[in-house]
Amino acid sequence: MHKTVDSSRVSISQLMQPSHSNFSGKIHGGYILNLMDQIAFACASKHSGAYCVTASVDTVDFINPIEVGDLVTMKASVNYVGRTSMVVGIRVESEHIQSGNKKHCNSSYFTMVAKGENGKSIEVPGLILNDKTEVLRFLKAIKRASTKKARQQEFNHATFTLENYLEQLKNYRVKIELPTDY
């Protein structure tokens, strides 16, 4: 079985209140991450028809601050499906209600895994891609996964060789003081 991207799209909007702010008066990043996790869950559960858990979060860059009184809207869609996992893309925008000015605040990718009643991972429906943007998002998810896998292999603790990187580290603000028997 396959489902369209549109069939599981989710959008939520919430007014940001003083209780959501940090010490500088901006909306706390942790609060936004909590909302993002909720919408990722809703989107993935809607696609899979099952309970879903967050396996990983990729690329959380806070581009613009969110102010108290802003209306925050989050849009989520399934960008990629594997056998039991889905990548949910989330876009976060804030709107100053009085002026109507909108800001892109964050885009992120949550990998969600569908679980059965026994707690084991279950297969999710395939994805029907209906336009160029959906194909592009699917391909970008594949690329992010392969880049992550290559990075994990390169820096695998068991096979990592420090000598291969010491010259490169000279370009950074770091002082290396290793014991002679490392």
Protein backbone atom coordinates (compact mmCIF):
# COMPACT_ATOMS: atom_id res chain seq x y z
CA MET A 1 0.00 0.00 0.00
CA HIS A 2 1.13 3.56 -0.75
CA LYS A 3 -0.15 6.95 0.42
CA THR A 4 0.29 10.44 -0.98
CA VAL A 5 2.31 13.08 0.83
CA ASP A 6 -0.84 15.23 1.03
CA SER A 7 -2.77 12.51 2.89
CA SER A 8 -0.64 12.94 6.01
CA ARG A 9 0.23 16.65 5.95
CA VAL A 10 -0.35 18.36 9.29
CA SER A 11 -0.36 22.03 10.22
CA ILE A 12 -0.68 23.60 13.65
CA SER A 13 -0.70 27.18 14.84
CA GLN A 14 -0.19 28.44 18.36
CA LEU A 15 0.04 31.85 19.96
CA MET A 16 3.33 32.31 21.84
CA GLN A 17 2.81 33.39 25.43
CA PRO A 18 5.15 34.80 28.10
CA SER A 19 5.27 31.40 29.82
CA HIS A 20 7.01 30.04 26.67
CA SER A 21 9.85 32.56 26.80
CA ASN A 22 13.45 32.24 27.94
CA PHE A 23 15.48 34.73 30.02
CA SER A 24 16.01 37.05 27.04
CA GLY A 25 12.28 37.33 26.35
CA LYS A 26 12.35 35.19 23.19
CA ILE A 27 10.47 31.91 22.85
CA HIS A 28 12.50 29.08 24.33
CA GLY A 29 14.04 26.75 21.71
CA GLY A 30 13.15 23.73 23.83
CA TYR A 31 9.49 24.69 23.72
CA ILE A 32 9.62 24.91 19.91
CA LEU A 33 11.36 21.53 19.74
CA ASN A 34 8.59 20.04 21.88
CA LEU A 35 5.95 21.36 19.48
CA MET A 36 7.96 20.06 16.52
CA ASP A 37 8.14 16.60 18.08
CA GLN A 38 4.37 16.63 18.56
CA ILE A 39 3.65 17.57 14.94
CA ALA A 40 6.21 15.01 13.69
CA PHE A 41 4.39 12.35 15.74
CA ALA A 42 1.00 13.41 14.35
CA CYS A 43 2.22 13.42 10.75
CA ALA A 44 4.04 10.07 11.01
CA SER A 45 1.13 8.43 12.85
CA LYS A 46 -1.30 9.72 10.25
CA HIS A 47 0.83 8.23 7.45
CA SER A 48 1.54 4.92 9.15
CA GLY A 49 -1.73 4.41 11.01
CA ALA A 50 0.35 3.44 14.04
CA TYR A 51 2.00 4.78 17.17
CA CYS A 52 5.34 6.37 16.24
CA VAL A 53 8.48 7.25 18.17
CA THR A 54 11.22 9.75 17.40
CA ALA A 55 14.43 7.99 16.32
CA SER A 56 16.49 11.07 15.46
CA VAL A 57 16.33 14.76 14.71
CA ASP A 58 18.45 16.23 11.96
CA THR A 59 19.38 19.83 11.21
CA VAL A 60 17.81 22.00 13.87
CA ASP A 61 18.94 25.52 13.02
CA PHE A 62 17.16 28.40 14.71
CA ILE A 63 17.23 30.97 11.90
CA ASN A 64 15.11 33.75 13.43
CA PRO A 65 13.92 34.32 16.99
CA ILE A 66 10.26 33.99 17.86
CA GLU A 67 8.71 36.74 19.95
CA VAL A 68 6.07 36.58 22.67
CA GLY A 69 2.75 37.36 20.96
CA ASP A 70 3.75 35.84 17.62
CA LEU A 71 1.53 33.25 15.99
CA VAL A 72 3.71 30.22 15.23
CA THR A 73 2.66 27.89 12.45
CA MET A 74 4.28 24.52 11.85
CA LYS A 75 3.77 22.52 8.69
CA ALA A 76 4.79 18.88 8.49
CA SER A 77 4.87 16.32 5.71
CA VAL A 78 6.36 12.89 5.20
CA ASN A 79 9.36 13.45 2.92
CA TYR A 80 10.73 9.91 2.86
CA VAL A 81 9.74 6.40 3.90
CA GLY A 82 11.90 3.37 4.56
CA ARG A 83 10.60 0.01 5.66
CA THR A 84 9.60 1.02 9.21
CA SER A 85 10.76 4.63 9.35
CA MET A 86 9.67 7.95 7.92
CA VAL A 87 11.41 11.30 7.63
CA VAL A 88 9.03 14.10 8.53
CA GLY A 89 10.02 17.54 7.27
CA ILE A 90 8.85 20.45 9.42
CA ARG A 91 8.80 24.14 8.57
CA VAL A 92 8.32 26.66 11.40
CA GLU A 93 7.12 30.20 10.68
CA SER A 94 6.20 33.00 13.03
CA GLU A 95 3.81 35.82 12.26
CA HIS A 96 3.57 39.16 14.02
CA ILE A 97 -0.21 39.30 14.28
CA GLN A 98 -0.63 43.08 14.14
CA SER A 99 1.66 43.71 11.15
CA GLY A 100 1.22 40.39 9.36
CA ASN A 101 5.01 40.10 8.91
CA LYS A 102 6.10 36.46 8.64
CA LYS A 103 9.51 34.95 9.36
CA HIS A 104 10.91 31.53 8.55
CA CYS A 105 12.28 30.39 11.91
CA ASN A 106 13.33 26.79 11.45
CA SER A 107 13.23 23.78 9.18
CA SER A 108 14.03 20.36 10.54
CA TYR A 109 13.80 16.66 9.81
CA PHE A 110 12.53 14.11 12.31
CA THR A 111 13.03 10.40 11.68
CA MET A 112 10.06 8.58 13.12
CA VAL A 113 9.60 4.81 13.52
CA ALA A 114 6.21 3.09 13.51
CA LYS A 115 5.56 0.66 16.36
CA GLY A 116 3.05 -2.15 16.68
CA GLU A 117 1.09 -3.04 19.81
CA ASN A 118 3.93 -5.35 20.90
CA GLY A 119 6.41 -2.44 20.75
CA LYS A 120 8.24 -3.82 17.71
CA SER A 121 8.82 -1.77 14.57
CA ILE A 122 6.23 -2.32 11.85
CA GLU A 123 6.21 -1.68 8.13
CA VAL A 124 4.85 1.66 6.93
CA PRO A 125 3.01 2.43 3.69
CA GLY A 126 5.08 3.53 0.71
CA LEU A 127 4.94 7.11 -0.53
CA ILE A 128 3.31 8.43 -3.69
CA LEU A 129 5.23 11.47 -4.97
CA ASN A 130 3.02 13.84 -6.97
CA ASP A 131 5.30 16.74 -7.90
CA LYS A 132 8.89 17.84 -8.37
CA THR A 133 9.15 19.27 -4.83
CA GLU A 134 8.10 15.95 -3.29
CA VAL A 135 10.66 14.08 -5.42
CA LEU A 136 13.35 16.61 -4.42
CA ARG A 137 12.52 16.23 -0.71
CA PHE A 138 12.67 12.42 -1.02
CA LEU A 139 16.07 12.60 -2.75
CA LYS A 140 17.42 15.08 -0.18
CA ALA A 141 16.39 12.69 2.61
CA ILE A 142 18.33 9.88 0.92
CA LYS A 143 21.37 12.16 0.64
CA ARG A 144 21.18 13.23 4.31
CA ALA A 145 21.03 9.57 5.37
CA SER A 146 24.01 8.56 3.24
CA THR A 147 26.05 11.55 4.44
CA LYS A 148 25.23 10.66 8.06
CA LYS A 149 26.22 7.03 7.50
CA ALA A 150 29.53 8.04 5.87
CA ARG A 151 30.29 10.42 8.78
CA GLN A 152 29.57 7.67 11.30
CA GLN A 153 31.87 5.26 9.45
CA GLU A 154 34.65 7.85 9.09
CA PHE A 155 34.65 8.64 12.78
CA ASN A 156 33.99 5.12 14.08
CA HIS A 157 35.87 4.86 17.37
CA ALA A 158 37.28 1.42 16.58
CA THR A 159 38.79 2.40 13.22
CA PHE A 160 39.52 6.11 13.72
CA THR A 161 43.14 7.15 13.22
CA LEU A 162 43.94 10.48 14.87
CA GLU A 163 47.13 11.02 12.84
CA ASN A 164 45.01 11.45 9.69
CA TYR A 165 43.42 14.59 11.15
CA LEU A 166 46.11 16.36 13.18
CA GLU A 167 47.27 18.53 10.26
CA GLN A 168 43.69 19.59 9.52
CA LEU A 169 43.15 20.64 13.15
CA LYS A 170 45.93 23.23 12.90
CA ASN A 171 43.45 25.52 11.12
CA TYR A 172 41.20 25.67 14.20
CA ARG A 173 41.35 27.35 17.57
CA VAL A 174 42.34 24.23 19.42
CA LYS A 175 45.44 23.22 21.32
CA ILE A 176 46.21 19.51 21.28
CA GLU A 177 48.04 18.19 24.33
CA LEU A 178 47.94 14.41 24.10
CA PRO A 179 49.78 12.05 26.42
CA THR A 180 52.68 10.30 24.69
CA ASP A 181 51.01 6.90 25.05
CA TYR A 182 47.65 7.72 23.45
